[in-house]
């Protein structure tokens, strides 16, 4: 029961940020044109990666919130390198995390943290760009094999829908298809984190630290 309580505590702590991330992902899906995302972050090279590393700075997203947002960007046309740069840079450069670092550790460490997060995000994005991409997932629909569209509805033109309808469709996409795709990995992460906290209490880390 103790282990279950630790897992539940971790899940409840991450839940608000995950919901916020899914909400942002829905807004990206509904409001940002895919052509614009492809133009900003879709091309290979350092330019798109650098833009992606800092584009998430205004977003108060932790790691849990950045995951669905990054996936939504990738499925809208962002390249592999820029997506990874956004995923790594956003939690480290976020305004909320920088402010907390400033309050606890001072201005020098807050600048050092932001700079380190940018460098790490860009470096990782460049490394991902040099790696070999996996083949796209195909699905069988009506007897025909076609690329996996991750829930993207192409039956109607987005321009023909009202702003409210586009937002509703985007939110529905993020809380249904997108959440289904990441739910297993989130569950594994929550269970692993809860068990680690249960077996290695923070007091033990403070003692040996």
Protein backbone atom coordinates (compact mmCIF):
# COMPACT_ATOMS: atom_id res chain seq x y z
CA UNK A 1 0.00 0.00 0.00
CA UNK A 2 2.90 2.34 0.75
CA UNK A 3 4.33 1.82 -2.73
CA UNK A 4 0.94 2.49 -4.31
CA UNK A 5 0.61 5.72 -2.34
CA UNK A 6 4.00 6.90 -3.63
CA UNK A 7 3.00 6.15 -7.23
CA UNK A 8 -0.32 7.94 -6.70
CA UNK A 9 1.46 10.95 -5.20
CA UNK A 10 3.80 11.24 -8.20
CA UNK A 11 0.87 10.90 -10.62
CA UNK A 12 -1.19 13.58 -8.86
CA UNK A 13 1.79 15.95 -8.79
CA UNK A 14 2.39 15.55 -12.53
CA UNK A 15 -1.30 15.56 -13.54
CA UNK A 16 -1.87 19.36 -13.66
CA UNK A 17 1.23 19.88 -15.80
CA UNK A 18 0.28 17.01 -18.09
CA UNK A 19 -3.22 18.42 -18.57
CA UNK A 20 -1.76 21.86 -19.28
CA UNK A 21 0.64 20.35 -21.81
CA UNK A 22 -2.18 18.52 -23.56
CA UNK A 23 -4.17 21.76 -23.67
CA UNK A 24 -1.22 23.61 -25.25
CA UNK A 25 -0.81 20.74 -27.72
CA UNK A 26 -4.46 21.07 -28.69
CA UNK A 27 -4.08 24.81 -29.27
CA UNK A 28 -0.99 24.20 -31.42
CA UNK A 29 -2.91 21.62 -33.42
CA UNK A 30 -5.89 23.91 -33.96
CA UNK A 31 -4.36 27.39 -34.29
CA UNK A 32 -0.88 27.02 -35.80
CA UNK A 33 -0.84 26.20 -39.53
CA UNK A 34 1.21 23.12 -40.34
CA UNK A 35 2.98 25.01 -43.12
CA UNK A 36 4.20 27.60 -40.61
CA UNK A 37 5.53 24.92 -38.26
CA UNK A 38 7.26 23.19 -41.16
CA UNK A 39 8.81 26.51 -42.17
CA UNK A 40 10.03 27.34 -38.64
CA UNK A 41 11.07 23.92 -37.40
CA UNK A 42 10.75 21.45 -40.25
CA UNK A 43 14.01 21.96 -42.07
CA UNK A 44 17.19 20.15 -41.16
CA UNK A 45 20.12 22.13 -39.81
CA UNK A 46 21.07 24.30 -36.89
CA UNK A 47 18.64 27.15 -37.64
CA UNK A 48 15.47 25.17 -36.95
CA UNK A 49 17.03 23.49 -33.93
CA UNK A 50 18.09 26.83 -32.42
CA UNK A 51 14.61 28.26 -32.95
CA UNK A 52 13.02 25.22 -31.35
CA UNK A 53 15.38 25.39 -28.36
CA UNK A 54 14.16 28.85 -27.39
CA UNK A 55 10.62 28.88 -28.81
CA UNK A 56 9.28 27.16 -25.70
CA UNK A 57 10.87 29.62 -23.27
CA UNK A 58 7.62 31.54 -22.55
CA UNK A 59 5.74 28.29 -21.86
CA UNK A 60 5.56 27.30 -18.17
CA UNK A 61 5.87 23.60 -18.99
CA UNK A 62 7.65 20.94 -16.97
CA UNK A 63 8.80 17.68 -18.54
CA UNK A 64 5.34 16.11 -18.35
CA UNK A 65 3.74 19.07 -20.10
CA UNK A 66 6.47 19.37 -22.72
CA UNK A 67 6.03 15.77 -23.93
CA UNK A 68 2.55 16.11 -25.50
CA UNK A 69 3.38 19.59 -26.80
CA UNK A 70 6.54 18.33 -28.53
CA UNK A 71 4.66 15.39 -30.02
CA UNK A 72 2.01 17.72 -31.40
CA UNK A 73 4.69 19.91 -32.99
CA UNK A 74 6.38 16.87 -34.54
CA UNK A 75 3.14 15.56 -36.01
CA UNK A 76 2.42 19.01 -37.42
CA UNK A 77 5.67 19.03 -39.37
CA UNK A 78 8.52 19.84 -36.98
CA UNK A 79 11.72 17.92 -37.71
CA UNK A 80 13.24 15.32 -35.41
CA UNK A 81 16.11 17.54 -34.28
CA UNK A 82 13.96 20.61 -33.53
CA UNK A 83 11.41 18.45 -31.71
CA UNK A 84 14.06 17.01 -29.40
CA UNK A 85 15.55 20.49 -28.87
CA UNK A 86 12.12 21.81 -27.88
CA UNK A 87 11.50 18.82 -25.61
CA UNK A 88 14.79 19.32 -23.75
CA UNK A 89 14.98 23.09 -23.79
CA UNK A 90 11.44 24.00 -22.71
CA UNK A 91 11.57 22.65 -19.11
CA UNK A 92 15.04 24.12 -18.57
CA UNK A 93 14.45 27.54 -20.14
CA UNK A 94 10.88 27.99 -18.95
CA UNK A 95 10.12 31.27 -17.22
CA UNK A 96 8.87 29.55 -14.08
CA UNK A 97 11.97 27.38 -13.66
CA UNK A 98 14.32 30.31 -14.27
CA UNK A 99 12.47 32.44 -11.71
CA UNK A 100 12.64 29.69 -9.09
CA UNK A 101 16.37 29.26 -9.76
CA UNK A 102 16.85 33.03 -9.44
CA UNK A 103 15.05 33.12 -6.08
CA UNK A 104 16.88 30.10 -4.64
CA UNK A 105 20.36 30.42 -6.17
CA UNK A 106 20.72 33.96 -7.46
CA UNK A 107 21.05 35.63 -10.88
CA UNK A 108 24.32 33.99 -11.91
CA UNK A 109 23.03 30.45 -11.45
CA UNK A 110 19.73 31.27 -13.16
CA UNK A 111 21.61 32.55 -16.22
CA UNK A 112 23.94 29.56 -16.10
CA UNK A 113 20.97 27.19 -15.96
CA UNK A 114 19.24 28.85 -18.92
CA UNK A 115 22.46 28.90 -20.95
CA UNK A 116 23.19 25.26 -20.11
CA UNK A 117 19.67 24.24 -21.09
CA UNK A 118 19.98 25.99 -24.46
CA UNK A 119 23.39 24.43 -25.18
CA UNK A 120 22.18 20.97 -24.16
CA UNK A 121 19.02 21.26 -26.25
CA UNK A 122 20.87 22.43 -29.36
CA UNK A 123 23.63 19.83 -28.99
CA UNK A 124 21.14 16.99 -28.56
CA UNK A 125 19.05 18.21 -31.49
CA UNK A 126 22.12 18.26 -33.73
CA UNK A 127 23.05 14.74 -32.62
CA UNK A 128 19.54 13.51 -33.39
CA UNK A 129 19.74 15.09 -36.85
CA UNK A 130 22.85 13.02 -37.60
CA UNK A 131 21.21 9.76 -36.52
CA UNK A 132 19.22 7.57 -38.87
CA UNK A 133 15.48 8.15 -38.85
CA UNK A 134 13.20 5.17 -38.30
CA UNK A 135 10.77 4.25 -41.03
CA UNK A 136 7.26 5.75 -40.72
CA UNK A 137 4.53 3.63 -39.19
CA UNK A 138 1.90 2.44 -41.61
CA UNK A 139 -1.63 1.38 -40.84
CA UNK A 140 -4.17 -0.67 -42.78
CA UNK A 141 -7.36 1.16 -43.58
CA UNK A 142 -10.04 -0.28 -45.87
CA UNK A 143 -7.51 -2.77 -47.21
CA UNK A 144 -4.97 -0.06 -48.16
CA UNK A 145 -1.73 0.70 -46.43
CA UNK A 146 -1.19 4.38 -45.70
CA UNK A 147 1.07 6.48 -43.46
CA UNK A 148 0.05 6.80 -39.83
CA UNK A 149 -1.60 10.20 -39.44
CA UNK A 150 -1.82 10.22 -35.63
CA UNK A 151 -5.48 11.16 -35.55
CA UNK A 152 -5.18 14.06 -38.00
CA UNK A 153 -8.55 14.59 -39.62
CA UNK A 154 -8.21 15.64 -43.24
CA UNK A 155 -11.87 15.20 -44.13
CA UNK A 156 -12.54 18.93 -43.89
CA UNK A 157 -10.36 21.95 -44.53
CA UNK A 158 -9.35 23.73 -41.30
CA UNK A 159 -10.02 27.07 -42.97
CA UNK A 160 -13.68 26.13 -43.42
CA UNK A 161 -14.22 25.71 -39.68
CA UNK A 162 -14.83 28.45 -37.15
CA UNK A 163 -12.20 29.30 -34.54
CA UNK A 164 -14.24 27.65 -31.80
CA UNK A 165 -14.67 24.46 -33.85
CA UNK A 166 -10.94 24.29 -34.60
CA UNK A 167 -10.07 24.68 -30.91
CA UNK A 168 -12.56 22.00 -29.90
CA UNK A 169 -11.18 19.60 -32.54
CA UNK A 170 -7.62 20.32 -31.41
CA UNK A 171 -8.41 19.75 -27.74
CA UNK A 172 -10.28 16.55 -28.60
CA UNK A 173 -7.29 15.34 -30.60
CA UNK A 174 -4.80 15.99 -27.79
CA UNK A 175 -6.92 14.40 -25.06
CA UNK A 176 -7.84 11.36 -27.16
CA UNK A 177 -5.38 10.28 -29.86
CA UNK A 178 -2.30 12.00 -28.45
CA UNK A 179 -2.96 10.93 -24.86
CA UNK A 180 -3.57 7.34 -26.00
CA UNK A 181 -0.16 7.27 -27.67
CA UNK A 182 1.79 8.45 -24.61
CA UNK A 183 -0.32 6.94 -21.82
CA UNK A 184 1.65 3.67 -21.58
CA UNK A 185 5.00 5.47 -21.34
CA UNK A 186 3.61 7.91 -18.79
CA UNK A 187 2.36 5.01 -16.69
CA UNK A 188 5.79 3.35 -16.83
CA UNK A 189 7.42 6.62 -15.79
CA UNK A 190 5.04 7.21 -12.88
CA UNK A 191 5.41 3.65 -11.59
CA UNK A 192 9.21 3.78 -11.88
CA UNK A 193 9.40 7.15 -10.11
CA UNK A 194 7.06 6.04 -7.34
CA UNK A 195 9.02 2.86 -6.70
CA UNK A 196 12.33 4.75 -6.65
CA UNK A 197 11.00 7.19 -4.09
CA UNK A 198 9.58 4.32 -2.04
CA UNK A 199 12.83 2.32 -2.04
CA UNK A 200 15.19 5.31 -1.87
CA UNK A 201 13.64 7.95 0.41
CA UNK A 202 14.82 11.56 0.00
CA UNK A 203 16.23 11.45 3.54
CA UNK A 204 18.67 8.77 2.44
CA UNK A 205 19.88 10.90 -0.45
CA UNK A 206 20.35 13.87 1.91
CA UNK A 207 22.36 11.70 4.29
CA UNK A 208 24.75 10.43 1.62
CA UNK A 209 24.77 13.76 -0.23
